[in-house]
Amino acid sequence: MSHLTTHILDSVAGAPAADVEAVLARADGTEIDRGRTDSDGRLALGPEHLPDGAYLLRFETGRYFADTGQESFHPFVTIAFTVAGLPHYHVPLLLSPFSYTTYRGS
């Protein structure tokens, strides 16, 4: 069982992406939790203990860029990942209007 955190960095602005809505769901689409990133671009989602399995983490990136007056190619970003035995998973998102990168953080 695991705990999940995320953070978003707007790589064009070189700053955290605040107030971005994120949704955590099981791989079948069943929503588990949702929230918005804080002023530092960070967010904890889900229960304290997330069972092993496949999950989706969806970020409303189009809304974020629209709110900052920018055009965006991606209306949202969905990251699929697997929880398998670690006590904590950190899934960062490095974001620009026309690309994104993610990885399993620590």
PDB file of N, CA and C in Angstrom:
ATOM      1  N   MET A   1       0.837  -1.179   0.000  1.00  0.00           N
ATOM      2  CA  MET A   1       0.000   0.000   0.000  1.00  0.00           C
ATOM      3  C   MET A   1       0.882   1.242   0.000  1.00  0.00           C
ATOM      4  N   SER A   2       0.428   2.276  -0.716  1.00  0.00           N
ATOM      5  CA  SER A   2       1.268   3.435  -0.956  1.00  0.00           C
ATOM      6  C   SER A   2       0.525   4.747  -0.792  1.00  0.00           C
ATOM      7  N   HIS A   3       1.296   5.801  -0.666  1.00  0.00           N
ATOM      8  CA  HIS A   3       0.797   7.168  -0.611  1.00  0.00           C
ATOM      9  C   HIS A   3       1.261   7.865  -1.887  1.00  0.00           C
ATOM     10  N   LEU A   4       0.454   8.787  -2.447  1.00  0.00           N
ATOM     11  CA  LEU A   4       0.766   9.438  -3.715  1.00  0.00           C
ATOM     12  C   LEU A   4       0.850  10.953  -3.563  1.00  0.00           C
ATOM     13  N   THR A   5       1.933  11.532  -4.098  1.00  0.00           N
ATOM     14  CA  THR A   5       2.057  12.980  -4.191  1.00  0.00           C
ATOM     15  C   THR A   5       2.466  13.332  -5.613  1.00  0.00           C
ATOM     16  N   THR A   6       2.240  14.591  -5.975  1.00  0.00           N
ATOM     17  CA  THR A   6       2.624  15.091  -7.289  1.00  0.00           C
ATOM     18  C   THR A   6       3.005  16.551  -7.167  1.00  0.00           C
ATOM     19  N   HIS A   7       3.703  17.044  -8.149  1.00  0.00           N
ATOM     20  CA  HIS A   7       3.906  18.485  -8.273  1.00  0.00           C
ATOM     21  C   HIS A   7       4.106  18.804  -9.748  1.00  0.00           C
ATOM     22  N   ILE A   8       3.786  20.054 -10.097  1.00  0.00           N
ATOM     23  CA  ILE A   8       3.877  20.490 -11.487  1.00  0.00           C
ATOM     24  C   ILE A   8       4.775  21.711 -11.556  1.00  0.00           C
ATOM     25  N   LEU A   9       5.723  21.665 -12.491  1.00  0.00           N
ATOM     26  CA  LEU A   9       6.579  22.806 -12.762  1.00  0.00           C
ATOM     27  C   LEU A   9       6.274  23.303 -14.174  1.00  0.00           C
ATOM     28  N   ASP A  10       5.918  24.563 -14.288  1.00  0.00           N
ATOM     29  CA  ASP A  10       5.748  25.207 -15.589  1.00  0.00           C
ATOM     30  C   ASP A  10       7.159  25.514 -16.072  1.00  0.00           C
ATOM     31  N   SER A  11       7.669  24.711 -17.012  1.00  0.00           N
ATOM     32  CA  SER A  11       9.068  24.841 -17.406  1.00  0.00           C
ATOM     33  C   SER A  11       9.343  26.068 -18.263  1.00  0.00           C
ATOM     34  N   VAL A  12       8.320  26.683 -18.844  1.00  0.00           N
ATOM     35  CA  VAL A  12       8.510  27.925 -19.577  1.00  0.00           C
ATOM     36  C   VAL A  12       8.664  29.090 -18.602  1.00  0.00           C
ATOM     37  N   ALA A  13       7.784  29.135 -17.613  1.00  0.00           N
ATOM     38  CA  ALA A  13       7.844  30.208 -16.610  1.00  0.00           C
ATOM     39  C   ALA A  13       8.954  29.967 -15.586  1.00  0.00           C
ATOM     40  N   GLY A  14       9.399  28.706 -15.480  1.00  0.00           N
ATOM     41  CA  GLY A  14      10.394  28.377 -14.468  1.00  0.00           C
ATOM     42  C   GLY A  14       9.840  28.502 -13.067  1.00  0.00           C
ATOM     43  N   ALA A  15       8.542  28.179 -12.926  1.00  0.00           N
ATOM     44  CA  ALA A  15       7.856  28.349 -11.649  1.00  0.00           C
ATOM     45  C   ALA A  15       6.850  27.217 -11.442  1.00  0.00           C
ATOM     46  N   PRO A  16       6.446  26.995 -10.200  1.00  0.00           N
ATOM     47  CA  PRO A  16       5.409  25.998  -9.948  1.00  0.00           C
ATOM     48  C   PRO A  16       4.104  26.370 -10.650  1.00  0.00           C
ATOM     49  N   ALA A  17       3.360  25.367 -11.067  1.00  0.00           N
ATOM     50  CA  ALA A  17       2.045  25.581 -11.680  1.00  0.00           C
ATOM     51  C   ALA A  17       0.990  25.453 -10.585  1.00  0.00           C
ATOM     52  N   ALA A  18       0.495  26.586 -10.136  1.00  0.00           N
ATOM     53  CA  ALA A  18      -0.484  26.617  -9.050  1.00  0.00           C
ATOM     54  C   ALA A  18      -1.903  26.506  -9.581  1.00  0.00           C
ATOM     55  N   ASP A  19      -2.775  25.958  -8.745  1.00  0.00           N
ATOM     56  CA  ASP A  19      -4.216  25.881  -9.002  1.00  0.00           C
ATOM     57  C   ASP A  19      -4.580  25.032 -10.223  1.00  0.00           C
ATOM     58  N   VAL A  20      -3.818  23.970 -10.467  1.00  0.00           N
ATOM     59  CA  VAL A  20      -4.129  23.027 -11.547  1.00  0.00           C
ATOM     60  C   VAL A  20      -4.956  21.891 -10.948  1.00  0.00           C
ATOM     61  N   GLU A  21      -6.114  21.617 -11.540  1.00  0.00           N
ATOM     62  CA  GLU A  21      -6.938  20.512 -11.057  1.00  0.00           C
ATOM     63  C   GLU A  21      -6.325  19.189 -11.490  1.00  0.00           C
ATOM     64  N   ALA A  22      -6.315  18.227 -10.573  1.00  0.00           N
ATOM     65  CA  ALA A  22      -5.811  16.884 -10.855  1.00  0.00           C
ATOM     66  C   ALA A  22      -6.812  15.870 -10.319  1.00  0.00           C
ATOM     67  N   VAL A  23      -6.945  14.762 -11.044  1.00  0.00           N
ATOM     68  CA  VAL A  23      -7.864  13.693 -10.662  1.00  0.00           C
ATOM     69  C   VAL A  23      -7.091  12.380 -10.634  1.00  0.00           C
ATOM     70  N   LEU A  24      -7.201  11.652  -9.537  1.00  0.00           N
ATOM     71  CA  LEU A  24      -6.634  10.321  -9.409  1.00  0.00           C
ATOM     72  C   LEU A  24      -7.754   9.311  -9.598  1.00  0.00           C
ATOM     73  N   ALA A  25      -7.519   8.321 -10.472  1.00  0.00           N
ATOM     74  CA  ALA A  25      -8.532   7.300 -10.748  1.00  0.00           C
ATOM     75  C   ALA A  25      -7.876   5.928 -10.874  1.00  0.00           C
ATOM     76  N   ARG A  26      -8.682   4.908 -10.684  1.00  0.00           N
ATOM     77  CA  ARG A  26      -8.224   3.552 -11.005  1.00  0.00           C
ATOM     78  C   ARG A  26      -8.108   3.456 -12.522  1.00  0.00           C
ATOM     79  N   ALA A  27      -7.426   2.445 -13.014  1.00  0.00           N
ATOM     80  CA  ALA A  27      -7.234   2.282 -14.464  1.00  0.00           C
ATOM     81  C   ALA A  27      -8.558   2.148 -15.209  1.00  0.00           C
ATOM     82  N   ASP A  28      -9.611   1.687 -14.540  1.00  0.00           N
ATOM     83  CA  ASP A  28     -10.923   1.564 -15.199  1.00  0.00           C
ATOM     84  C   ASP A  28     -11.672   2.894 -15.252  1.00  0.00           C
ATOM     85  N   GLY A  29     -11.062   3.956 -14.729  1.00  0.00           N
ATOM     86  CA  GLY A  29     -11.672   5.286 -14.762  1.00  0.00           C
ATOM     87  C   GLY A  29     -12.427   5.682 -13.510  1.00  0.00           C
ATOM     88  N   THR A  30     -12.564   4.775 -12.555  1.00  0.00           N
ATOM     89  CA  THR A  30     -13.266   5.089 -11.310  1.00  0.00           C
ATOM     90  C   THR A  30     -12.472   6.113 -10.508  1.00  0.00           C
ATOM     91  N   GLU A  31     -13.072   7.277 -10.271  1.00  0.00           N
ATOM     92  CA  GLU A  31     -12.384   8.351  -9.564  1.00  0.00           C
ATOM     93  C   GLU A  31     -12.165   7.997  -8.101  1.00  0.00           C
ATOM     94  N   ILE A  32     -10.961   8.285  -7.627  1.00  0.00           N
ATOM     95  CA  ILE A  32     -10.598   8.059  -6.231  1.00  0.00           C
ATOM     96  C   ILE A  32     -10.553   9.377  -5.471  1.00  0.00           C
ATOM     97  N   ASP A  33      -9.946  10.398  -6.091  1.00  0.00           N
ATOM     98  CA  ASP A  33      -9.782  11.682  -5.421  1.00  0.00           C
ATOM     99  C   ASP A  33      -9.502  12.758  -6.462  1.00  0.00           C
ATOM    100  N   ARG A  34      -9.718  14.006  -6.070  1.00  0.00           N
ATOM    101  CA  ARG A  34      -9.374  15.153  -6.917  1.00  0.00           C
ATOM    102  C   ARG A  34      -8.972  16.307  -6.032  1.00  0.00           C
ATOM    103  N   GLY A  35      -8.195  17.202  -6.608  1.00  0.00           N
ATOM    104  CA  GLY A  35      -7.756  18.370  -5.867  1.00  0.00           C
ATOM    105  C   GLY A  35      -7.068  19.349  -6.789  1.00  0.00           C
ATOM    106  N   ARG A  36      -6.527  20.429  -6.211  1.00  0.00           N
ATOM    107  CA  ARG A  36      -5.836  21.462  -6.975  1.00  0.00           C
ATOM    108  C   ARG A  36      -4.451  21.677  -6.367  1.00  0.00           C
ATOM    109  N   THR A  37      -3.490  21.928  -7.220  1.00  0.00           N
ATOM    110  CA  THR A  37      -2.144  22.171  -6.721  1.00  0.00           C
ATOM    111  C   THR A  37      -2.107  23.457  -5.903  1.00  0.00           C
ATOM    112  N   ASP A  38      -1.240  23.466  -4.904  1.00  0.00           N
ATOM    113  CA  ASP A  38      -1.096  24.649  -4.056  1.00  0.00           C
ATOM    114  C   ASP A  38      -0.181  25.674  -4.746  1.00  0.00           C
ATOM    115  N   SER A  39       0.173  26.724  -4.049  1.00  0.00           N
ATOM    116  CA  SER A  39       0.988  27.790  -4.637  1.00  0.00           C
ATOM    117  C   SER A  39       2.385  27.313  -5.022  1.00  0.00           C
ATOM    118  N   ASP A  40       2.810  26.179  -4.463  1.00  0.00           N
ATOM    119  CA  ASP A  40       4.107  25.587  -4.813  1.00  0.00           C
ATOM    120  C   ASP A  40       3.954  24.490  -5.864  1.00  0.00           C
ATOM    121  N   GLY A  41       2.748  24.347  -6.451  1.00  0.00           N
ATOM    122  CA  GLY A  41       2.496  23.339  -7.481  1.00  0.00           C
ATOM    123  C   GLY A  41       2.385  21.922  -6.955  1.00  0.00           C
ATOM    124  N   ARG A  42       2.185  21.761  -5.660  1.00  0.00           N
ATOM    125  CA  ARG A  42       2.173  20.425  -5.036  1.00  0.00           C
ATOM    126  C   ARG A  42       0.769  20.001  -4.615  1.00  0.00           C
ATOM    127  N   LEU A  43       0.601  18.670  -4.566  1.00  0.00           N
ATOM    128  CA  LEU A  43      -0.693  18.098  -4.200  1.00  0.00           C
ATOM    129  C   LEU A  43      -0.503  16.656  -3.757  1.00  0.00           C
ATOM    130  N   ALA A  44      -1.196  16.266  -2.680  1.00  0.00           N
ATOM    131  CA  ALA A  44      -1.271  14.861  -2.249  1.00  0.00           C
ATOM    132  C   ALA A  44      -2.671  14.386  -2.602  1.00  0.00           C
ATOM    133  N   LEU A  45      -2.762  13.208  -3.196  1.00  0.00           N
ATOM    134  CA  LEU A  45      -4.049  12.663  -3.617  1.00  0.00           C
ATOM    135  C   LEU A  45      -4.245  11.256  -3.098  1.00  0.00           C
ATOM    136  N   GLY A  46      -5.510  10.886  -2.943  1.00  0.00           N
ATOM    137  CA  GLY A  46      -5.867   9.525  -2.579  1.00  0.00           C
ATOM    138  C   GLY A  46      -5.836   9.292  -1.095  1.00  0.00           C
ATOM    139  N   PRO A  47      -6.147   8.066  -0.732  1.00  0.00           N
ATOM    140  CA  PRO A  47      -6.095   7.701   0.688  1.00  0.00           C
ATOM    141  C   PRO A  47      -4.648   7.600   1.145  1.00  0.00           C
ATOM    142  N   GLU A  48      -4.461   7.513   2.427  1.00  0.00           N
ATOM    143  CA  GLU A  48      -3.109   7.369   2.973  1.00  0.00           C
ATOM    144  C   GLU A  48      -2.434   6.102   2.442  1.00  0.00           C
ATOM    145  N   HIS A  49      -3.233   5.071   2.187  1.00  0.00           N
ATOM    146  CA  HIS A  49      -2.695   3.808   1.679  1.00  0.00           C
ATOM    147  C   HIS A  49      -3.390   3.461   0.372  1.00  0.00           C
ATOM    148  N   LEU A  50      -2.661   3.510  -0.719  1.00  0.00           N
ATOM    149  CA  LEU A  50      -3.167   3.218  -2.054  1.00  0.00           C
ATOM    150  C   LEU A  50      -2.793   1.779  -2.398  1.00  0.00           C
ATOM    151  N   PRO A  51      -3.773   0.893  -2.615  1.00  0.00           N
ATOM    152  CA  PRO A  51      -3.467  -0.512  -2.914  1.00  0.00           C
ATOM    153  C   PRO A  51      -2.682  -0.654  -4.215  1.00  0.00           C
ATOM    154  N   ASP A  52      -1.892  -1.720  -4.305  1.00  0.00           N
ATOM    155  CA  ASP A  52      -1.171  -2.019  -5.539  1.00  0.00           C
ATOM    156  C   ASP A  52      -2.154  -2.111  -6.698  1.00  0.00           C
ATOM    157  N   GLY A  53      -1.718  -1.669  -7.869  1.00  0.00           N
ATOM    158  CA  GLY A  53      -2.556  -1.736  -9.064  1.00  0.00           C
ATOM    159  C   GLY A  53      -2.211  -0.633 -10.039  1.00  0.00           C
ATOM    160  N   ALA A  54      -3.010  -0.532 -11.103  1.00  0.00           N
ATOM    161  CA  ALA A  54      -2.808   0.470 -12.149  1.00  0.00           C
ATOM    162  C   ALA A  54      -3.721   1.672 -11.894  1.00  0.00           C
ATOM    163  N   TYR A  55      -3.178   2.881 -12.120  1.00  0.00           N
ATOM    164  CA  TYR A  55      -3.893   4.121 -11.840  1.00  0.00           C
ATOM    165  C   TYR A  55      -3.693   5.134 -12.966  1.00  0.00           C
ATOM    166  N   LEU A  56      -4.554   6.136 -12.973  1.00  0.00           N
ATOM    167  CA  LEU A  56      -4.466   7.262 -13.892  1.00  0.00           C
ATOM    168  C   LEU A  56      -4.418   8.547 -13.084  1.00  0.00           C
ATOM    169  N   LEU A  57      -3.568   9.455 -13.490  1.00  0.00           N
ATOM    170  CA  LEU A  57      -3.483  10.774 -12.871  1.00  0.00           C
ATOM    171  C   LEU A  57      -3.681  11.781 -13.996  1.00  0.00           C
ATOM    172  N   ARG A  58      -4.813  12.512 -13.954  1.00  0.00           N
ATOM    173  CA  ARG A  58      -5.169  13.441 -15.031  1.00  0.00           C
ATOM    174  C   ARG A  58      -5.035  14.884 -14.530  1.00  0.00           C
ATOM    175  N   PHE A  59      -4.315  15.690 -15.302  1.00  0.00           N
ATOM    176  CA  PHE A  59      -4.105  17.093 -14.998  1.00  0.00           C
ATOM    177  C   PHE A  59      -4.837  17.946 -16.030  1.00  0.00           C
ATOM    178  N   GLU A  60      -5.573  18.955 -15.579  1.00  0.00           N
ATOM    179  CA  GLU A  60      -6.316  19.851 -16.474  1.00  0.00           C
ATOM    180  C   GLU A  60      -5.394  20.979 -16.946  1.00  0.00           C
ATOM    181  N   THR A  61      -4.475  20.637 -17.818  1.00  0.00           N
ATOM    182  CA  THR A  61      -3.435  21.569 -18.261  1.00  0.00           C
ATOM    183  C   THR A  61      -3.975  22.658 -19.191  1.00  0.00           C
ATOM    184  N   GLY A  62      -4.966  22.354 -19.998  1.00  0.00           N
ATOM    185  CA  GLY A  62      -5.548  23.361 -20.893  1.00  0.00           C
ATOM    186  C   GLY A  62      -6.130  24.520 -20.123  1.00  0.00           C
ATOM    187  N   ARG A  63      -6.840  24.215 -19.051  1.00  0.00           N
ATOM    188  CA  ARG A  63      -7.410  25.273 -18.198  1.00  0.00           C
ATOM    189  C   ARG A  63      -6.314  26.120 -17.557  1.00  0.00           C
ATOM    190  N   TYR A  64      -5.257  25.441 -17.108  1.00  0.00           N
ATOM    191  CA  TYR A  64      -4.146  26.170 -16.495  1.00  0.00           C
ATOM    192  C   TYR A  64      -3.572  27.188 -17.481  1.00  0.00           C
ATOM    193  N   PHE A  65      -3.259  26.748 -18.699  1.00  0.00           N
ATOM    194  CA  PHE A  65      -2.666  27.668 -19.668  1.00  0.00           C
ATOM    195  C   PHE A  65      -3.650  28.747 -20.101  1.00  0.00           C
ATOM    196  N   ALA A  66      -4.922  28.407 -20.244  1.00  0.00           N
ATOM    197  CA  ALA A  66      -5.932  29.423 -20.586  1.00  0.00           C
ATOM    198  C   ALA A  66      -5.997  30.493 -19.501  1.00  0.00           C
ATOM    199  N   ASP A  67      -5.930  30.059 -18.236  1.00  0.00           N
ATOM    200  CA  ASP A  67      -5.975  31.011 -17.127  1.00  0.00           C
ATOM    201  C   ASP A  67      -4.745  31.920 -17.092  1.00  0.00           C
ATOM    202  N   THR A  68      -3.637  31.463 -17.678  1.00  0.00           N
ATOM    203  CA  THR A  68      -2.421  32.293 -17.719  1.00  0.00           C
ATOM    204  C   THR A  68      -2.305  33.026 -19.055  1.00  0.00           C
ATOM    205  N   GLY A  69      -3.338  32.927 -19.886  1.00  0.00           N
ATOM    206  CA  GLY A  69      -3.365  33.654 -21.149  1.00  0.00           C
ATOM    207  C   GLY A  69      -2.528  33.041 -22.251  1.00  0.00           C
ATOM    208  N   GLN A  70      -2.261  31.742 -22.135  1.00  0.00           N
ATOM    209  CA  GLN A  70      -1.434  31.070 -23.124  1.00  0.00           C
ATOM    210  C   GLN A  70      -2.235  30.006 -23.881  1.00  0.00           C
ATOM    211  N   GLU A  71      -1.811  29.738 -25.087  1.00  0.00           N
ATOM    212  CA  GLU A  71      -2.372  28.651 -25.881  1.00  0.00           C
ATOM    213  C   GLU A  71      -1.722  27.346 -25.412  1.00  0.00           C
ATOM    214  N   SER A  72      -2.453  26.231 -25.515  1.00  0.00           N
ATOM    215  CA  SER A  72      -1.902  24.935 -25.132  1.00  0.00           C
ATOM    216  C   SER A  72      -2.335  23.864 -26.115  1.00  0.00           C
ATOM    217  N   PHE A  73      -1.418  23.021 -26.522  1.00  0.00           N
ATOM    218  CA  PHE A  73      -1.711  21.910 -27.423  1.00  0.00           C
ATOM    219  C   PHE A  73      -2.453  20.782 -26.706  1.00  0.00           C
ATOM    220  N   HIS A  74      -2.156  20.589 -25.433  1.00  0.00           N
ATOM    221  CA  HIS A  74      -2.735  19.497 -24.649  1.00  0.00           C
ATOM    222  C   HIS A  74      -3.853  20.028 -23.741  1.00  0.00           C
ATOM    223  N   PRO A  75      -5.121  19.670 -24.002  1.00  0.00           N
ATOM    224  CA  PRO A  75      -6.201  20.125 -23.121  1.00  0.00           C
ATOM    225  C   PRO A  75      -6.100  19.488 -21.730  1.00  0.00           C
ATOM    226  N   PHE A  76      -5.520  18.317 -21.668  1.00  0.00           N
ATOM    227  CA  PHE A  76      -5.247  17.646 -20.399  1.00  0.00           C
ATOM    228  C   PHE A  76      -4.101  16.681 -20.608  1.00  0.00           C
ATOM    229  N   VAL A  77      -3.481  16.260 -19.509  1.00  0.00           N
ATOM    230  CA  VAL A  77      -2.413  15.269 -19.528  1.00  0.00           C
ATOM    231  C   VAL A  77      -2.842  14.147 -18.603  1.00  0.00           C
ATOM    232  N   THR A  78      -2.836  12.922 -19.120  1.00  0.00           N
ATOM    233  CA  THR A  78      -3.137  11.755 -18.296  1.00  0.00           C
ATOM    234  C   THR A  78      -1.898  10.881 -18.209  1.00  0.00           C
ATOM    235  N   ILE A  79      -1.487  10.582 -16.998  1.00  0.00           N
ATOM    236  CA  ILE A  79      -0.337   9.722 -16.751  1.00  0.00           C
ATOM    237  C   ILE A  79      -0.851   8.406 -16.189  1.00  0.00           C
ATOM    238  N   ALA A  80      -0.530   7.326 -16.857  1.00  0.00           N
ATOM    239  CA  ALA A  80      -0.865   5.984 -16.366  1.00  0.00           C
ATOM    240  C   ALA A  80       0.369   5.439 -15.645  1.00  0.00           C
ATOM    241  N   PHE A  81       0.156   4.835 -14.477  1.00  0.00           N
ATOM    242  CA  PHE A  81       1.281   4.307 -13.713  1.00  0.00           C
ATOM    243  C   PHE A  81       0.820   3.139 -12.853  1.00  0.00           C
ATOM    244  N   THR A  82       1.788   2.389 -12.363  1.00  0.00           N
ATOM    245  CA  THR A  82       1.505   1.209 -11.543  1.00  0.00           C
ATOM    246  C   THR A  82       2.081   1.391 -10.144  1.00  0.00           C
ATOM    247  N   VAL A  83       1.264   1.120  -9.154  1.00  0.00           N
ATOM    248  CA  VAL A  83       1.692   1.086  -7.757  1.00  0.00           C
ATOM    249  C   VAL A  83       2.001  -0.374  -7.440  1.00  0.00           C
ATOM    250  N   ALA A  84       3.209  -0.624  -6.938  1.00  0.00           N
ATOM    251  CA  ALA A  84       3.617  -2.003  -6.669  1.00  0.00           C
ATOM    252  C   ALA A  84       4.572  -2.076  -5.491  1.00  0.00           C
ATOM    253  N   GLY A  85       4.027  -1.960  -4.293  1.00  0.00           N
ATOM    254  CA  GLY A  85       4.787  -2.282  -3.101  1.00  0.00           C
ATOM    255  C   GLY A  85       5.596  -1.197  -2.425  1.00  0.00           C
ATOM    256  N   LEU A  86       5.833  -0.080  -3.074  1.00  0.00           N
ATOM    257  CA  LEU A  86       6.586   0.982  -2.408  1.00  0.00           C
ATOM    258  C   LEU A  86       5.659   1.768  -1.480  1.00  0.00           C
ATOM    259  N   PRO A  87       6.191   2.335  -0.395  1.00  0.00           N
ATOM    260  CA  PRO A  87       5.334   3.066   0.550  1.00  0.00           C
ATOM    261  C   PRO A  87       4.899   4.440   0.051  1.00  0.00           C
ATOM    262  N   HIS A  88       5.626   5.002  -0.933  1.00  0.00           N
ATOM    263  CA  HIS A  88       5.305   6.350  -1.413  1.00  0.00           C
ATOM    264  C   HIS A  88       5.626   6.459  -2.891  1.00  0.00           C
ATOM    265  N   TYR A  89       4.735   7.081  -3.635  1.00  0.00           N
ATOM    266  CA  TYR A  89       4.968   7.380  -5.049  1.00  0.00           C
ATOM    267  C   TYR A  89       4.824   8.879  -5.253  1.00  0.00           C
ATOM    268  N   HIS A  90       5.800   9.443  -5.969  1.00  0.00           N
ATOM    269  CA  HIS A  90       5.767  10.861  -6.318  1.00  0.00           C
ATOM    270  C   HIS A  90       5.805  10.924  -7.842  1.00  0.00           C
ATOM    271  N   VAL A  91       4.785  11.565  -8.449  1.00  0.00           N
ATOM    272  CA  VAL A  91       4.662  11.624  -9.901  1.00  0.00           C
ATOM    273  C   VAL A  91       4.700  13.091 -10.338  1.00  0.00           C
ATOM    274  N   PRO A  92       5.897  13.623 -10.645  1.00  0.00           N
ATOM    275  CA  PRO A  92       6.018  15.006 -11.073  1.00  0.00           C
ATOM    276  C   PRO A  92       5.626  15.184 -12.536  1.00  0.00           C
ATOM    277  N   LEU A  93       5.250  16.418 -12.875  1.00  0.00           N
ATOM    278  CA  LEU A  93       4.922  16.783 -14.249  1.00  0.00           C
ATOM    279  C   LEU A  93       5.664  18.064 -14.582  1.00  0.00           C
ATOM    280  N   LEU A  94       6.522  18.009 -15.601  1.00  0.00           N
ATOM    281  CA  LEU A  94       7.202  19.186 -16.127  1.00  0.00           C
ATOM    282  C   LEU A  94       6.415  19.600 -17.355  1.00  0.00           C
ATOM    283  N   LEU A  95       5.934  20.832 -17.370  1.00  0.00           N
ATOM    284  CA  LEU A  95       4.908  21.227 -18.319  1.00  0.00           C
ATOM    285  C   LEU A  95       5.297  22.466 -19.116  1.00  0.00           C
ATOM    286  N   SER A  96       4.970  22.439 -20.404  1.00  0.00           N
ATOM    287  CA  SER A  96       5.038  23.624 -21.255  1.00  0.00           C
ATOM    288  C   SER A  96       3.786  23.588 -22.138  1.00  0.00           C
ATOM    289  N   PRO A  97       3.480  24.654 -22.858  1.00  0.00           N
ATOM    290  CA  PRO A  97       2.241  24.665 -23.646  1.00  0.00           C
ATOM    291  C   PRO A  97       2.175  23.588 -24.743  1.00  0.00           C
ATOM    292  N   PHE A  98       3.336  23.082 -25.193  1.00  0.00           N
ATOM    293  CA  PHE A  98       3.329  22.146 -26.309  1.00  0.00           C
ATOM    294  C   PHE A  98       4.031  20.830 -26.013  1.00  0.00           C
ATOM    295  N   SER A  99       4.428  20.612 -24.772  1.00  0.00           N
ATOM    296  CA  SER A  99       5.050  19.337 -24.404  1.00  0.00           C
ATOM    297  C   SER A  99       4.969  19.130 -22.907  1.00  0.00           C
ATOM    298  N   TYR A 100       5.221  17.889 -22.492  1.00  0.00           N
ATOM    299  CA  TYR A 100       5.308  17.590 -21.067  1.00  0.00           C
ATOM    300  C   TYR A 100       6.211  16.375 -20.861  1.00  0.00           C
ATOM    301  N   THR A 101       6.736  16.268 -19.655  1.00  0.00           N
ATOM    302  CA  THR A 101       7.580  15.157 -19.261  1.00  0.00           C
ATOM    303  C   THR A 101       7.163  14.735 -17.864  1.00  0.00           C
ATOM    304  N   THR A 102       7.230  13.446 -17.617  1.00  0.00           N
ATOM    305  CA  THR A 102       6.938  12.929 -16.283  1.00  0.00           C
ATOM    306  C   THR A 102       7.922  11.812 -15.958  1.00  0.00           C
ATOM    307  N   TYR A 103       7.990  11.474 -14.690  1.00  0.00           N
ATOM    308  CA  TYR A 103       8.878  10.397 -14.240  1.00  0.00           C
ATOM    309  C   TYR A 103       8.452   9.973 -12.853  1.00  0.00           C
ATOM    310  N   ARG A 104       8.964   8.841 -12.397  1.00  0.00           N
ATOM    311  CA  ARG A 104       8.697   8.440 -11.022  1.00  0.00           C
ATOM    312  C   ARG A 104       9.708   9.131 -10.146  1.00  0.00           C
ATOM    313  N   GLY A 105       9.244  10.062  -9.351  1.00  0.00           N
ATOM    314  CA  GLY A 105      10.120  10.813  -8.464  1.00  0.00           C
ATOM    315  C   GLY A 105      10.353  10.077  -7.158  1.00  0.00           C
ATOM    316  N   SER A 106      10.992  10.784  -6.244  1.00  0.00           N
ATOM    317  CA  SER A 106      11.271  10.164  -4.950  1.00  0.00           C
ATOM    318  C   SER A 106      10.662  10.968  -3.830  1.00  0.00           C
TER     319      SER A 106
END
